[in-house]
Amino acid sequence: TPEIGGLTPVQALEIIRGCRGLNLVGADLVEVSPPYDPQGNTALLAANLIYEILCVMPGVAYREGAER
């Protein structure tokens, strides 16, 4: 949901891509409401952000000895 002074889509992508190599446990995306998105722009952006998260997660740092 766009907020005044909130993140832009480009900033969100930069944050996600910057997580490569960090010790992450998981990620999620909230606040996608199709009834308030008649053109589907928010849904497309949400799908793109989730895709980027899925692409970054294999490159995160795993703890030594942890199962993958």
N, C-alpha and C. Protein backbone atom coordinates (compact mmCIF):
# COMPACT_ATOMS: atom_id res chain seq x y z
N THR A 1 0.85 -1.17 0.00
CA THR A 1 0.00 0.00 0.00
C THR A 1 0.89 1.23 0.00
N PRO A 2 0.80 2.07 -1.01
CA PRO A 2 1.63 3.27 -1.01
C PRO A 2 1.31 4.16 0.19
N GLU A 3 2.32 4.65 0.80
CA GLU A 3 2.17 5.55 1.93
C GLU A 3 2.92 6.83 1.61
N ILE A 4 2.44 7.94 2.11
CA ILE A 4 3.16 9.20 1.92
C ILE A 4 4.52 9.07 2.59
N GLY A 5 5.57 9.31 1.83
CA GLY A 5 6.93 9.18 2.36
C GLY A 5 7.38 7.73 2.49
N GLY A 6 6.60 6.79 1.95
CA GLY A 6 6.95 5.37 2.04
C GLY A 6 7.94 4.96 0.96
N LEU A 7 8.25 3.67 0.94
CA LEU A 7 9.19 3.14 -0.04
C LEU A 7 8.59 3.15 -1.44
N THR A 8 9.46 3.38 -2.42
CA THR A 8 9.05 3.21 -3.81
C THR A 8 9.33 1.76 -4.20
N PRO A 9 8.74 1.28 -5.28
CA PRO A 9 9.05 -0.08 -5.73
C PRO A 9 10.55 -0.31 -5.97
N VAL A 10 11.22 0.68 -6.52
CA VAL A 10 12.66 0.56 -6.78
C VAL A 10 13.42 0.41 -5.46
N GLN A 11 13.05 1.19 -4.45
CA GLN A 11 13.70 1.08 -3.14
C GLN A 11 13.46 -0.30 -2.53
N ALA A 12 12.26 -0.82 -2.67
CA ALA A 12 11.96 -2.15 -2.13
C ALA A 12 12.82 -3.21 -2.82
N LEU A 13 12.97 -3.11 -4.14
CA LEU A 13 13.81 -4.06 -4.87
C LEU A 13 15.27 -3.95 -4.43
N GLU A 14 15.75 -2.73 -4.21
CA GLU A 14 17.13 -2.54 -3.75
C GLU A 14 17.35 -3.18 -2.39
N ILE A 15 16.38 -3.05 -1.50
CA ILE A 15 16.49 -3.65 -0.16
C ILE A 15 16.52 -5.17 -0.28
N ILE A 16 15.61 -5.72 -1.08
CA ILE A 16 15.57 -7.18 -1.25
C ILE A 16 16.88 -7.69 -1.82
N ARG A 17 17.36 -7.05 -2.88
CA ARG A 17 18.61 -7.49 -3.51
C ARG A 17 19.81 -7.29 -2.60
N GLY A 18 19.73 -6.32 -1.70
CA GLY A 18 20.80 -6.08 -0.75
C GLY A 18 20.87 -7.11 0.37
N CYS A 19 19.86 -7.97 0.47
CA CYS A 19 19.83 -9.00 1.51
C CYS A 19 20.67 -10.22 1.17
N ARG A 20 21.16 -10.31 -0.07
CA ARG A 20 21.99 -11.46 -0.45
C ARG A 20 23.20 -11.52 0.46
N GLY A 21 23.47 -12.69 1.00
CA GLY A 21 24.61 -12.89 1.88
C GLY A 21 24.31 -12.66 3.36
N LEU A 22 23.11 -12.17 3.68
CA LEU A 22 22.74 -11.98 5.08
C LEU A 22 22.16 -13.26 5.66
N ASN A 23 22.11 -13.35 6.96
CA ASN A 23 21.57 -14.53 7.64
C ASN A 23 20.06 -14.35 7.82
N LEU A 24 19.30 -14.64 6.78
CA LEU A 24 17.84 -14.49 6.82
C LEU A 24 17.17 -15.81 7.13
N VAL A 25 16.05 -15.73 7.82
CA VAL A 25 15.27 -16.91 8.15
C VAL A 25 14.05 -17.02 7.24
N GLY A 26 13.46 -15.90 6.88
CA GLY A 26 12.27 -15.92 6.04
C GLY A 26 11.89 -14.53 5.62
N ALA A 27 10.85 -14.44 4.81
CA ALA A 27 10.35 -13.15 4.34
C ALA A 27 8.88 -13.30 3.98
N ASP A 28 8.16 -12.19 4.01
CA ASP A 28 6.77 -12.22 3.58
C ASP A 28 6.38 -10.88 2.99
N LEU A 29 5.23 -10.86 2.38
CA LEU A 29 4.69 -9.64 1.79
C LEU A 29 3.25 -9.52 2.27
N VAL A 30 2.89 -8.35 2.74
CA VAL A 30 1.54 -8.14 3.27
C VAL A 30 0.86 -6.97 2.54
N GLU A 31 -0.43 -6.85 2.75
CA GLU A 31 -1.23 -5.73 2.27
C GLU A 31 -1.41 -5.69 0.76
N VAL A 32 -1.79 -6.80 0.17
CA VAL A 32 -2.23 -6.80 -1.23
C VAL A 32 -3.72 -7.10 -1.20
N SER A 33 -4.52 -6.15 -1.68
CA SER A 33 -5.97 -6.30 -1.63
C SER A 33 -6.56 -6.14 -3.04
N PRO A 34 -6.80 -7.26 -3.72
CA PRO A 34 -7.34 -7.18 -5.09
C PRO A 34 -8.60 -6.32 -5.25
N PRO A 35 -9.53 -6.29 -4.29
CA PRO A 35 -10.70 -5.43 -4.48
C PRO A 35 -10.34 -3.94 -4.62
N TYR A 36 -9.23 -3.53 -4.05
CA TYR A 36 -8.81 -2.13 -4.14
C TYR A 36 -7.77 -1.92 -5.23
N ASP A 37 -7.58 -2.90 -6.10
CA ASP A 37 -6.57 -2.86 -7.15
C ASP A 37 -7.19 -3.30 -8.48
N PRO A 38 -8.15 -2.51 -9.01
CA PRO A 38 -8.87 -2.96 -10.20
C PRO A 38 -8.00 -3.15 -11.44
N GLN A 39 -6.90 -2.41 -11.57
CA GLN A 39 -6.02 -2.57 -12.72
C GLN A 39 -4.97 -3.66 -12.51
N GLY A 40 -4.81 -4.14 -11.28
CA GLY A 40 -3.87 -5.21 -11.00
C GLY A 40 -2.43 -4.76 -10.81
N ASN A 41 -2.19 -3.45 -10.71
CA ASN A 41 -0.82 -2.96 -10.55
C ASN A 41 -0.18 -3.44 -9.26
N THR A 42 -0.93 -3.39 -8.17
CA THR A 42 -0.37 -3.81 -6.88
C THR A 42 -0.08 -5.31 -6.89
N ALA A 43 -0.97 -6.08 -7.48
CA ALA A 43 -0.76 -7.53 -7.55
C ALA A 43 0.48 -7.86 -8.38
N LEU A 44 0.69 -7.17 -9.50
CA LEU A 44 1.88 -7.40 -10.32
C LEU A 44 3.15 -7.01 -9.58
N LEU A 45 3.11 -5.89 -8.88
CA LEU A 45 4.27 -5.47 -8.10
C LEU A 45 4.54 -6.47 -6.98
N ALA A 46 3.50 -6.93 -6.31
CA ALA A 46 3.67 -7.92 -5.24
C ALA A 46 4.28 -9.20 -5.78
N ALA A 47 3.81 -9.66 -6.94
CA ALA A 47 4.37 -10.87 -7.55
C ALA A 47 5.84 -10.67 -7.90
N ASN A 48 6.18 -9.48 -8.40
CA ASN A 48 7.58 -9.19 -8.73
C ASN A 48 8.45 -9.18 -7.48
N LEU A 49 7.96 -8.58 -6.40
CA LEU A 49 8.74 -8.53 -5.15
C LEU A 49 8.94 -9.94 -4.59
N ILE A 50 7.90 -10.77 -4.60
CA ILE A 50 8.03 -12.15 -4.11
C ILE A 50 9.01 -12.93 -4.98
N TYR A 51 8.96 -12.72 -6.29
CA TYR A 51 9.91 -13.38 -7.19
C TYR A 51 11.34 -12.99 -6.83
N GLU A 52 11.57 -11.71 -6.59
CA GLU A 52 12.90 -11.25 -6.21
C GLU A 52 13.34 -11.87 -4.88
N ILE A 53 12.42 -11.96 -3.92
CA ILE A 53 12.74 -12.59 -2.64
C ILE A 53 13.15 -14.04 -2.86
N LEU A 54 12.39 -14.76 -3.68
CA LEU A 54 12.71 -16.17 -3.95
C LEU A 54 14.05 -16.32 -4.66
N CYS A 55 14.41 -15.36 -5.46
CA CYS A 55 15.71 -15.41 -6.16
C CYS A 55 16.87 -15.11 -5.21
N VAL A 56 16.63 -14.27 -4.21
CA VAL A 56 17.70 -13.87 -3.28
C VAL A 56 17.89 -14.93 -2.19
N MET A 57 16.83 -15.57 -1.75
CA MET A 57 16.92 -16.49 -0.61
C MET A 57 17.96 -17.60 -0.77
N PRO A 58 18.14 -18.20 -1.95
CA PRO A 58 19.19 -19.24 -2.05
C PRO A 58 20.59 -18.70 -1.82
N GLY A 59 20.79 -17.39 -1.96
CA GLY A 59 22.11 -16.81 -1.78
C GLY A 59 22.38 -16.25 -0.41
N VAL A 60 21.45 -16.46 0.54
CA VAL A 60 21.67 -15.93 1.88
C VAL A 60 22.66 -16.81 2.63
N ALA A 61 23.26 -16.24 3.65
CA ALA A 61 24.26 -16.98 4.43
C ALA A 61 23.55 -17.97 5.35
N TYR A 62 23.98 -19.21 5.31
CA TYR A 62 23.43 -20.24 6.19
C TYR A 62 24.38 -20.46 7.36
N ARG A 63 23.82 -20.80 8.50
CA ARG A 63 24.66 -21.12 9.65
C ARG A 63 25.41 -22.40 9.37
N GLU A 64 26.61 -22.47 9.87
CA GLU A 64 27.41 -23.67 9.69
C GLU A 64 26.72 -24.85 10.37
N GLY A 65 26.58 -25.95 9.67
CA GLY A 65 25.95 -27.14 10.23
C GLY A 65 24.44 -27.16 10.11
N ALA A 66 23.84 -26.08 9.61
CA ALA A 66 22.38 -26.06 9.47
C ALA A 66 21.97 -26.82 8.22
N GLU A 67 20.83 -27.51 8.32
CA GLU A 67 20.32 -28.23 7.15
C GLU A 67 19.79 -27.24 6.14
N ARG A 68 19.95 -27.58 4.87
CA ARG A 68 19.42 -26.71 3.81
C ARG A 68 18.24 -27.35 3.17
